[in-house]
Amino acid sequence: MSTNELTSVHCEACRADAPRVSDDELASLIKKIPDWNIEVRDGIMQLEKSFSFNNFVDAVAFTNRVGELAESEGHHPALLTEWGKVTVTWWSHKIKGLHRNDFIMSARTDQIAAS
């Protein structure tokens, strides 16, 4: 699956018994979202990236666009909005780890940032 394929698909409903991405899937998918980092907090793997902006207004506008995307897909990140910077963190709460949805949303977040 290419980056373009990630941005063109929608999230699937994630159930508590859904499998996390395998090590092989993780190795493949992380290559499609450059500049995203894998962070582990409380034993939970997450995808995280910080985006820079010229001012607070632009940072808030980006935050709102990511929020609109999250609502439309039913998959929500942690968002930290600061002056000139927004940090976005994706993971699947129900499975306490990474699901394919997190990579889809990371790619789509990059798409928002590029527009």
N, C-alpha and C. Protein backbone atom coordinates (compact mmCIF):
# COMPACT_ATOMS: atom_id res chain seq x y z
N MET A 1 0.86 -1.18 0.00
CA MET A 1 0.00 0.00 0.00
C MET A 1 0.90 1.24 0.00
N SER A 2 0.69 2.12 -0.97
CA SER A 2 1.49 3.35 -1.07
C SER A 2 0.89 4.45 -0.20
N THR A 3 1.64 5.55 -0.09
CA THR A 3 1.14 6.70 0.65
C THR A 3 -0.17 7.18 0.04
N ASN A 4 -0.23 7.22 -1.31
CA ASN A 4 -1.47 7.65 -1.98
C ASN A 4 -2.62 6.72 -1.64
N GLU A 5 -2.34 5.44 -1.55
CA GLU A 5 -3.40 4.49 -1.19
C GLU A 5 -3.87 4.73 0.24
N LEU A 6 -2.94 5.06 1.13
CA LEU A 6 -3.32 5.35 2.52
C LEU A 6 -4.25 6.55 2.59
N THR A 7 -4.00 7.57 1.77
CA THR A 7 -4.82 8.78 1.84
C THR A 7 -6.16 8.62 1.14
N SER A 8 -6.31 7.57 0.34
CA SER A 8 -7.55 7.41 -0.41
C SER A 8 -8.54 6.43 0.23
N VAL A 9 -8.15 5.80 1.33
CA VAL A 9 -9.05 4.85 1.98
C VAL A 9 -9.58 5.43 3.29
N HIS A 10 -10.65 4.84 3.77
CA HIS A 10 -11.25 5.28 5.03
C HIS A 10 -10.93 4.29 6.13
N CYS A 11 -11.07 4.75 7.34
CA CYS A 11 -10.87 3.89 8.51
C CYS A 11 -11.98 2.86 8.59
N GLU A 12 -11.63 1.71 9.13
CA GLU A 12 -12.65 0.70 9.41
C GLU A 12 -12.94 0.75 10.91
N ALA A 13 -14.10 0.33 11.28
CA ALA A 13 -14.46 0.31 12.70
C ALA A 13 -13.48 -0.58 13.44
N CYS A 14 -12.93 -0.07 14.52
CA CYS A 14 -11.94 -0.81 15.30
C CYS A 14 -12.61 -1.36 16.56
N ARG A 15 -12.62 -2.67 16.67
CA ARG A 15 -13.22 -3.33 17.84
C ARG A 15 -12.12 -3.66 18.85
N ALA A 16 -12.51 -3.90 20.08
CA ALA A 16 -11.55 -4.22 21.14
C ALA A 16 -10.77 -5.50 20.83
N ASP A 17 -11.35 -6.39 20.00
CA ASP A 17 -10.65 -7.63 19.66
C ASP A 17 -9.93 -7.55 18.31
N ALA A 18 -9.85 -6.35 17.73
CA ALA A 18 -9.15 -6.18 16.46
C ALA A 18 -7.65 -6.38 16.69
N PRO A 19 -6.97 -6.98 15.72
CA PRO A 19 -5.53 -7.19 15.90
C PRO A 19 -4.74 -5.89 15.70
N ARG A 20 -3.69 -5.75 16.46
CA ARG A 20 -2.74 -4.66 16.22
C ARG A 20 -1.96 -5.00 14.96
N VAL A 21 -1.30 -4.00 14.37
CA VAL A 21 -0.46 -4.29 13.20
C VAL A 21 0.66 -5.24 13.63
N SER A 22 1.02 -6.14 12.74
CA SER A 22 2.11 -7.07 13.02
C SER A 22 3.45 -6.33 12.85
N ASP A 23 4.52 -6.96 13.26
CA ASP A 23 5.84 -6.35 13.09
C ASP A 23 6.14 -6.11 11.62
N ASP A 24 5.75 -7.06 10.75
CA ASP A 24 5.98 -6.90 9.31
C ASP A 24 5.15 -5.75 8.75
N GLU A 25 3.89 -5.66 9.16
CA GLU A 25 3.03 -4.55 8.71
C GLU A 25 3.59 -3.22 9.21
N LEU A 26 4.03 -3.18 10.44
CA LEU A 26 4.59 -1.96 11.01
C LEU A 26 5.80 -1.51 10.20
N ALA A 27 6.71 -2.43 9.88
CA ALA A 27 7.90 -2.09 9.11
C ALA A 27 7.55 -1.55 7.73
N SER A 28 6.52 -2.10 7.12
CA SER A 28 6.09 -1.64 5.80
C SER A 28 5.35 -0.30 5.86
N LEU A 29 4.41 -0.19 6.78
CA LEU A 29 3.56 1.01 6.85
C LEU A 29 4.32 2.25 7.32
N ILE A 30 5.28 2.10 8.22
CA ILE A 30 5.99 3.27 8.74
C ILE A 30 6.79 3.95 7.63
N LYS A 31 7.21 3.20 6.63
CA LYS A 31 7.96 3.77 5.49
C LYS A 31 7.08 4.69 4.65
N LYS A 32 5.78 4.52 4.74
CA LYS A 32 4.84 5.30 3.92
C LYS A 32 4.45 6.62 4.58
N ILE A 33 4.86 6.81 5.82
CA ILE A 33 4.56 8.07 6.52
C ILE A 33 5.87 8.66 7.08
N PRO A 34 6.73 9.17 6.19
CA PRO A 34 8.01 9.69 6.63
C PRO A 34 7.84 10.80 7.67
N ASP A 35 8.78 10.89 8.54
CA ASP A 35 8.84 11.92 9.59
C ASP A 35 7.90 11.65 10.76
N TRP A 36 7.12 10.59 10.72
CA TRP A 36 6.33 10.19 11.89
C TRP A 36 7.22 9.31 12.75
N ASN A 37 7.14 9.51 14.04
CA ASN A 37 7.93 8.73 14.99
C ASN A 37 7.04 7.74 15.73
N ILE A 38 7.62 6.60 16.06
CA ILE A 38 6.94 5.65 16.93
C ILE A 38 7.35 5.97 18.36
N GLU A 39 6.37 6.26 19.18
CA GLU A 39 6.59 6.53 20.60
C GLU A 39 5.87 5.45 21.40
N VAL A 40 6.44 5.08 22.52
CA VAL A 40 5.79 4.10 23.40
C VAL A 40 5.55 4.79 24.74
N ARG A 41 4.28 4.89 25.11
CA ARG A 41 3.89 5.50 26.38
C ARG A 41 3.03 4.51 27.16
N ASP A 42 3.43 4.25 28.37
CA ASP A 42 2.71 3.27 29.21
C ASP A 42 2.53 1.94 28.48
N GLY A 43 3.55 1.55 27.72
CA GLY A 43 3.51 0.29 27.00
C GLY A 43 2.67 0.30 25.74
N ILE A 44 2.17 1.48 25.34
CA ILE A 44 1.29 1.60 24.17
C ILE A 44 2.04 2.29 23.04
N MET A 45 2.16 1.59 21.90
CA MET A 45 2.83 2.14 20.74
C MET A 45 1.92 3.18 20.07
N GLN A 46 2.52 4.34 19.72
CA GLN A 46 1.77 5.45 19.12
C GLN A 46 2.59 6.06 17.99
N LEU A 47 1.90 6.71 17.06
CA LEU A 47 2.55 7.47 15.99
C LEU A 47 2.46 8.95 16.33
N GLU A 48 3.59 9.67 16.20
CA GLU A 48 3.58 11.08 16.60
C GLU A 48 4.43 11.91 15.64
N LYS A 49 3.93 13.11 15.39
CA LYS A 49 4.65 14.06 14.53
C LYS A 49 4.27 15.47 14.96
N SER A 50 5.26 16.37 14.92
CA SER A 50 5.01 17.79 15.19
C SER A 50 5.05 18.56 13.89
N PHE A 51 4.12 19.49 13.74
CA PHE A 51 4.00 20.33 12.55
C PHE A 51 4.27 21.77 12.97
N SER A 52 5.05 22.50 12.18
CA SER A 52 5.40 23.89 12.50
C SER A 52 4.57 24.87 11.69
N PHE A 53 4.26 25.99 12.32
CA PHE A 53 3.46 27.05 11.69
C PHE A 53 4.06 28.40 12.03
N ASN A 54 3.68 29.42 11.28
CA ASN A 54 4.22 30.76 11.48
C ASN A 54 3.60 31.50 12.66
N ASN A 55 2.44 31.01 13.11
CA ASN A 55 1.76 31.72 14.20
C ASN A 55 0.73 30.79 14.84
N PHE A 56 0.09 31.30 15.87
CA PHE A 56 -0.90 30.52 16.60
C PHE A 56 -2.17 30.30 15.79
N VAL A 57 -2.58 31.30 15.03
CA VAL A 57 -3.81 31.20 14.24
C VAL A 57 -3.71 30.05 13.24
N ASP A 58 -2.57 29.94 12.55
CA ASP A 58 -2.39 28.85 11.60
C ASP A 58 -2.35 27.49 12.30
N ALA A 59 -1.74 27.45 13.48
CA ALA A 59 -1.69 26.20 14.25
C ALA A 59 -3.10 25.76 14.65
N VAL A 60 -3.92 26.70 15.09
CA VAL A 60 -5.30 26.38 15.48
C VAL A 60 -6.12 25.94 14.26
N ALA A 61 -5.92 26.60 13.12
CA ALA A 61 -6.64 26.23 11.91
C ALA A 61 -6.31 24.79 11.51
N PHE A 62 -5.04 24.43 11.59
CA PHE A 62 -4.62 23.05 11.29
C PHE A 62 -5.26 22.08 12.28
N THR A 63 -5.22 22.42 13.55
CA THR A 63 -5.84 21.59 14.58
C THR A 63 -7.31 21.34 14.27
N ASN A 64 -8.01 22.38 13.87
CA ASN A 64 -9.43 22.25 13.54
C ASN A 64 -9.65 21.36 12.33
N ARG A 65 -8.79 21.46 11.33
CA ARG A 65 -8.93 20.61 10.14
C ARG A 65 -8.68 19.14 10.48
N VAL A 66 -7.69 18.89 11.32
CA VAL A 66 -7.44 17.52 11.76
C VAL A 66 -8.62 17.02 12.59
N GLY A 67 -9.18 17.89 13.41
CA GLY A 67 -10.36 17.54 14.20
C GLY A 67 -11.55 17.18 13.34
N GLU A 68 -11.75 17.93 12.26
CA GLU A 68 -12.85 17.64 11.33
C GLU A 68 -12.65 16.27 10.67
N LEU A 69 -11.41 16.00 10.25
CA LEU A 69 -11.09 14.69 9.67
C LEU A 69 -11.37 13.58 10.68
N ALA A 70 -10.92 13.78 11.91
CA ALA A 70 -11.11 12.77 12.96
C ALA A 70 -12.59 12.48 13.18
N GLU A 71 -13.39 13.52 13.24
CA GLU A 71 -14.84 13.33 13.42
C GLU A 71 -15.44 12.58 12.25
N SER A 72 -15.02 12.92 11.03
CA SER A 72 -15.61 12.28 9.85
C SER A 72 -15.24 10.80 9.78
N GLU A 73 -14.08 10.43 10.32
CA GLU A 73 -13.63 9.03 10.28
C GLU A 73 -13.94 8.27 11.57
N GLY A 74 -14.37 8.97 12.61
CA GLY A 74 -14.63 8.31 13.88
C GLY A 74 -13.38 7.77 14.55
N HIS A 75 -12.26 8.43 14.30
CA HIS A 75 -10.97 8.01 14.87
C HIS A 75 -10.24 9.28 15.31
N HIS A 76 -9.90 9.38 16.57
CA HIS A 76 -9.49 10.66 17.15
C HIS A 76 -8.08 10.62 17.72
N PRO A 77 -7.26 11.64 17.43
CA PRO A 77 -5.89 11.70 17.94
C PRO A 77 -5.81 12.50 19.23
N ALA A 78 -4.63 12.50 19.79
CA ALA A 78 -4.28 13.49 20.81
C ALA A 78 -3.68 14.66 20.04
N LEU A 79 -4.13 15.86 20.35
CA LEU A 79 -3.64 17.07 19.69
C LEU A 79 -3.13 18.05 20.73
N LEU A 80 -1.89 18.49 20.57
CA LEU A 80 -1.32 19.51 21.43
C LEU A 80 -1.02 20.72 20.56
N THR A 81 -1.77 21.80 20.77
CA THR A 81 -1.62 23.01 19.98
C THR A 81 -0.90 24.07 20.80
N GLU A 82 0.19 24.57 20.22
CA GLU A 82 1.00 25.60 20.86
C GLU A 82 1.23 26.72 19.85
N TRP A 83 1.87 27.80 20.29
CA TRP A 83 2.21 28.85 19.36
C TRP A 83 3.16 28.27 18.32
N GLY A 84 2.74 28.28 17.06
CA GLY A 84 3.60 27.85 15.96
C GLY A 84 3.85 26.36 15.85
N LYS A 85 3.11 25.55 16.59
CA LYS A 85 3.39 24.11 16.57
C LYS A 85 2.16 23.31 16.99
N VAL A 86 1.94 22.20 16.28
CA VAL A 86 0.89 21.25 16.67
C VAL A 86 1.53 19.86 16.67
N THR A 87 1.37 19.15 17.76
CA THR A 87 1.84 17.77 17.85
C THR A 87 0.62 16.86 17.77
N VAL A 88 0.66 15.93 16.81
CA VAL A 88 -0.45 15.01 16.57
C VAL A 88 0.03 13.60 16.94
N THR A 89 -0.78 12.91 17.72
CA THR A 89 -0.45 11.55 18.14
C THR A 89 -1.63 10.64 17.83
N TRP A 90 -1.37 9.60 17.04
CA TRP A 90 -2.40 8.63 16.66
C TRP A 90 -2.11 7.28 17.29
N TRP A 91 -3.12 6.64 17.82
CA TRP A 91 -3.09 5.24 18.24
C TRP A 91 -4.53 4.81 18.41
N SER A 92 -4.73 3.52 18.52
CA SER A 92 -6.09 2.99 18.65
C SER A 92 -6.34 2.64 20.11
N HIS A 93 -7.17 3.44 20.74
CA HIS A 93 -7.44 3.32 22.17
C HIS A 93 -7.99 1.94 22.53
N LYS A 94 -8.91 1.43 21.71
CA LYS A 94 -9.58 0.16 22.04
C LYS A 94 -8.62 -1.02 22.10
N ILE A 95 -7.58 -0.99 21.26
CA ILE A 95 -6.64 -2.12 21.24
C ILE A 95 -5.31 -1.76 21.91
N LYS A 96 -5.22 -0.55 22.43
CA LYS A 96 -4.02 -0.11 23.14
C LYS A 96 -2.76 -0.34 22.31
N GLY A 97 -2.81 0.16 21.07
CA GLY A 97 -1.68 0.01 20.17
C GLY A 97 -2.00 0.55 18.80
N LEU A 98 -1.23 0.11 17.82
CA LEU A 98 -1.38 0.62 16.46
C LEU A 98 -2.21 -0.31 15.59
N HIS A 99 -3.10 0.29 14.83
CA HIS A 99 -3.98 -0.38 13.87
C HIS A 99 -3.72 0.30 12.53
N ARG A 100 -4.10 -0.36 11.46
CA ARG A 100 -3.94 0.23 10.12
C ARG A 100 -4.57 1.63 10.06
N ASN A 101 -5.67 1.84 10.79
CA ASN A 101 -6.33 3.15 10.81
C ASN A 101 -5.37 4.27 11.20
N ASP A 102 -4.45 3.99 12.10
CA ASP A 102 -3.53 5.03 12.57
C ASP A 102 -2.60 5.49 11.46
N PHE A 103 -2.21 4.59 10.60
CA PHE A 103 -1.35 4.93 9.47
C PHE A 103 -2.15 5.69 8.41
N ILE A 104 -3.39 5.29 8.19
CA ILE A 104 -4.27 6.02 7.28
C ILE A 104 -4.42 7.46 7.76
N MET A 105 -4.71 7.63 9.03
CA MET A 105 -4.93 8.98 9.56
C MET A 105 -3.65 9.80 9.60
N SER A 106 -2.52 9.17 9.83
CA SER A 106 -1.25 9.90 9.78
C SER A 106 -0.99 10.42 8.37
N ALA A 107 -1.20 9.57 7.37
CA ALA A 107 -1.02 10.00 5.98
C ALA A 107 -1.99 11.12 5.61
N ARG A 108 -3.21 11.01 6.08
CA ARG A 108 -4.20 12.04 5.78
C ARG A 108 -3.90 13.33 6.53
N THR A 109 -3.30 13.23 7.71
CA THR A 109 -2.86 14.43 8.44
C THR A 109 -1.76 15.13 7.65
N ASP A 110 -0.81 14.36 7.11
CA ASP A 110 0.23 14.95 6.25
C ASP A 110 -0.39 15.64 5.04
N GLN A 111 -1.42 15.04 4.49
CA GLN A 111 -2.11 15.62 3.33
C GLN A 111 -2.72 16.97 3.70
N ILE A 112 -3.31 17.07 4.86
CA ILE A 112 -3.87 18.34 5.33
C ILE A 112 -2.76 19.37 5.47
N ALA A 113 -1.65 18.98 6.06
CA ALA A 113 -0.53 19.90 6.27
C ALA A 113 0.03 20.42 4.95
N ALA A 114 0.00 19.59 3.92
CA ALA A 114 0.55 19.97 2.62
C ALA A 114 -0.39 20.84 1.80
N SER A 115 -1.66 20.91 2.20
CA SER A 115 -2.64 21.66 1.39
C SER A 115 -2.73 23.11 1.81
